[in-house]
Amino acid sequence: MTILAIRRADGRMLINPHPNTVLREQDTLIVLGSRAAVEHVNTTR
């Protein structure tokens, strides 16, 4: 799975984020990957 972008709680979009980018609690990830990979991430919080 590849993270294409991160939408911050304040609405900012980080396009093609650096691998060291720290995720925040309210972030929304925009990803590209198989359905199985996305569902796996959604169930392992």
N, C-alpha and C. Protein backbone atom coordinates (compact mmCIF):
# COMPACT_ATOMS: atom_id res chain seq x y z
N MET A 1 0.84 -1.15 0.00
CA MET A 1 0.00 0.00 0.00
C MET A 1 0.90 1.22 0.00
N THR A 2 0.48 2.26 -0.71
CA THR A 2 1.22 3.51 -0.81
C THR A 2 0.36 4.65 -0.29
N ILE A 3 0.94 5.48 0.57
CA ILE A 3 0.23 6.68 1.04
C ILE A 3 0.46 7.78 0.01
N LEU A 4 -0.61 8.20 -0.64
CA LEU A 4 -0.52 9.24 -1.66
C LEU A 4 -0.57 10.63 -1.04
N ALA A 5 -1.37 10.78 0.01
CA ALA A 5 -1.54 12.08 0.64
C ALA A 5 -2.07 11.90 2.06
N ILE A 6 -1.92 12.95 2.84
CA ILE A 6 -2.47 13.00 4.20
C ILE A 6 -3.29 14.28 4.30
N ARG A 7 -4.54 14.14 4.74
CA ARG A 7 -5.37 15.32 5.00
C ARG A 7 -5.36 15.57 6.49
N ARG A 8 -4.83 16.72 6.89
CA ARG A 8 -4.77 17.10 8.29
C ARG A 8 -6.15 17.56 8.77
N ALA A 9 -6.35 17.59 10.06
CA ALA A 9 -7.64 17.99 10.65
C ALA A 9 -8.02 19.41 10.26
N ASP A 10 -7.03 20.27 10.02
CA ASP A 10 -7.32 21.65 9.64
C ASP A 10 -7.58 21.82 8.15
N GLY A 11 -7.60 20.68 7.40
CA GLY A 11 -7.90 20.73 5.98
C GLY A 11 -6.70 20.74 5.06
N ARG A 12 -5.51 20.97 5.62
CA ARG A 12 -4.31 20.97 4.77
C ARG A 12 -4.08 19.58 4.20
N MET A 13 -3.56 19.55 2.97
CA MET A 13 -3.22 18.29 2.32
C MET A 13 -1.72 18.21 2.15
N LEU A 14 -1.15 17.10 2.58
CA LEU A 14 0.27 16.83 2.35
C LEU A 14 0.33 15.80 1.22
N ILE A 15 0.69 16.24 0.04
CA ILE A 15 0.75 15.38 -1.12
C ILE A 15 2.11 14.70 -1.17
N ASN A 16 2.13 13.40 -1.42
CA ASN A 16 3.36 12.62 -1.48
C ASN A 16 4.21 12.87 -0.24
N PRO A 17 3.68 12.56 0.94
CA PRO A 17 4.39 12.87 2.19
C PRO A 17 5.70 12.10 2.31
N HIS A 18 6.65 12.73 2.97
CA HIS A 18 7.96 12.13 3.23
C HIS A 18 7.76 10.90 4.13
N PRO A 19 8.56 9.86 3.96
CA PRO A 19 8.41 8.65 4.79
C PRO A 19 8.53 8.91 6.30
N ASN A 20 9.19 9.99 6.69
CA ASN A 20 9.34 10.30 8.11
C ASN A 20 8.21 11.17 8.66
N THR A 21 7.21 11.46 7.84
CA THR A 21 6.09 12.28 8.30
C THR A 21 5.37 11.58 9.44
N VAL A 22 5.12 12.30 10.52
CA VAL A 22 4.44 11.75 11.69
C VAL A 22 2.94 11.90 11.50
N LEU A 23 2.22 10.80 11.67
CA LEU A 23 0.77 10.82 11.57
C LEU A 23 0.18 11.35 12.86
N ARG A 24 -0.88 12.12 12.71
CA ARG A 24 -1.59 12.68 13.87
C ARG A 24 -2.94 11.99 14.02
N GLU A 25 -3.50 12.08 15.20
CA GLU A 25 -4.73 11.36 15.52
C GLU A 25 -5.87 11.66 14.56
N GLN A 26 -6.03 12.87 14.12
CA GLN A 26 -7.16 13.26 13.27
C GLN A 26 -6.84 13.19 11.77
N ASP A 27 -5.68 12.67 11.37
CA ASP A 27 -5.30 12.59 9.96
C ASP A 27 -6.17 11.60 9.21
N THR A 28 -6.39 11.90 7.94
CA THR A 28 -7.04 10.99 7.02
C THR A 28 -6.02 10.63 5.95
N LEU A 29 -5.83 9.34 5.72
CA LEU A 29 -4.87 8.89 4.72
C LEU A 29 -5.57 8.64 3.39
N ILE A 30 -4.93 9.09 2.31
CA ILE A 30 -5.38 8.78 0.97
C ILE A 30 -4.35 7.79 0.44
N VAL A 31 -4.80 6.56 0.17
CA VAL A 31 -3.87 5.47 -0.14
C VAL A 31 -4.19 4.82 -1.48
N LEU A 32 -3.21 4.09 -2.00
CA LEU A 32 -3.38 3.26 -3.17
C LEU A 32 -2.89 1.87 -2.81
N GLY A 33 -3.76 0.89 -2.99
CA GLY A 33 -3.37 -0.48 -2.65
C GLY A 33 -4.53 -1.42 -2.88
N SER A 34 -4.29 -2.67 -2.64
CA SER A 34 -5.35 -3.66 -2.82
C SER A 34 -6.42 -3.48 -1.74
N ARG A 35 -7.59 -3.93 -2.05
CA ARG A 35 -8.70 -3.84 -1.07
C ARG A 35 -8.32 -4.57 0.22
N ALA A 36 -7.67 -5.72 0.09
CA ALA A 36 -7.28 -6.50 1.27
C ALA A 36 -6.31 -5.71 2.15
N ALA A 37 -5.36 -5.02 1.55
CA ALA A 37 -4.39 -4.25 2.32
C ALA A 37 -5.07 -3.09 3.05
N VAL A 38 -5.98 -2.41 2.37
CA VAL A 38 -6.69 -1.29 2.99
C VAL A 38 -7.57 -1.80 4.13
N GLU A 39 -8.29 -2.89 3.91
CA GLU A 39 -9.13 -3.43 4.97
C GLU A 39 -8.30 -3.89 6.17
N HIS A 40 -7.13 -4.43 5.91
CA HIS A 40 -6.24 -4.84 7.01
C HIS A 40 -5.85 -3.65 7.87
N VAL A 41 -5.50 -2.55 7.25
CA VAL A 41 -5.12 -1.34 7.99
C VAL A 41 -6.33 -0.82 8.78
N ASN A 42 -7.50 -0.85 8.18
CA ASN A 42 -8.70 -0.36 8.87
C ASN A 42 -9.06 -1.18 10.09
N THR A 43 -8.64 -2.44 10.14
CA THR A 43 -9.00 -3.29 11.27
C THR A 43 -7.89 -3.42 12.31
N THR A 44 -6.73 -2.84 12.07
CA THR A 44 -5.60 -2.94 13.02
C THR A 44 -5.25 -1.59 13.60
N ARG A 45 -6.19 -1.01 14.27
CA ARG A 45 -5.96 0.31 14.89
C ARG A 45 -5.51 0.15 16.30
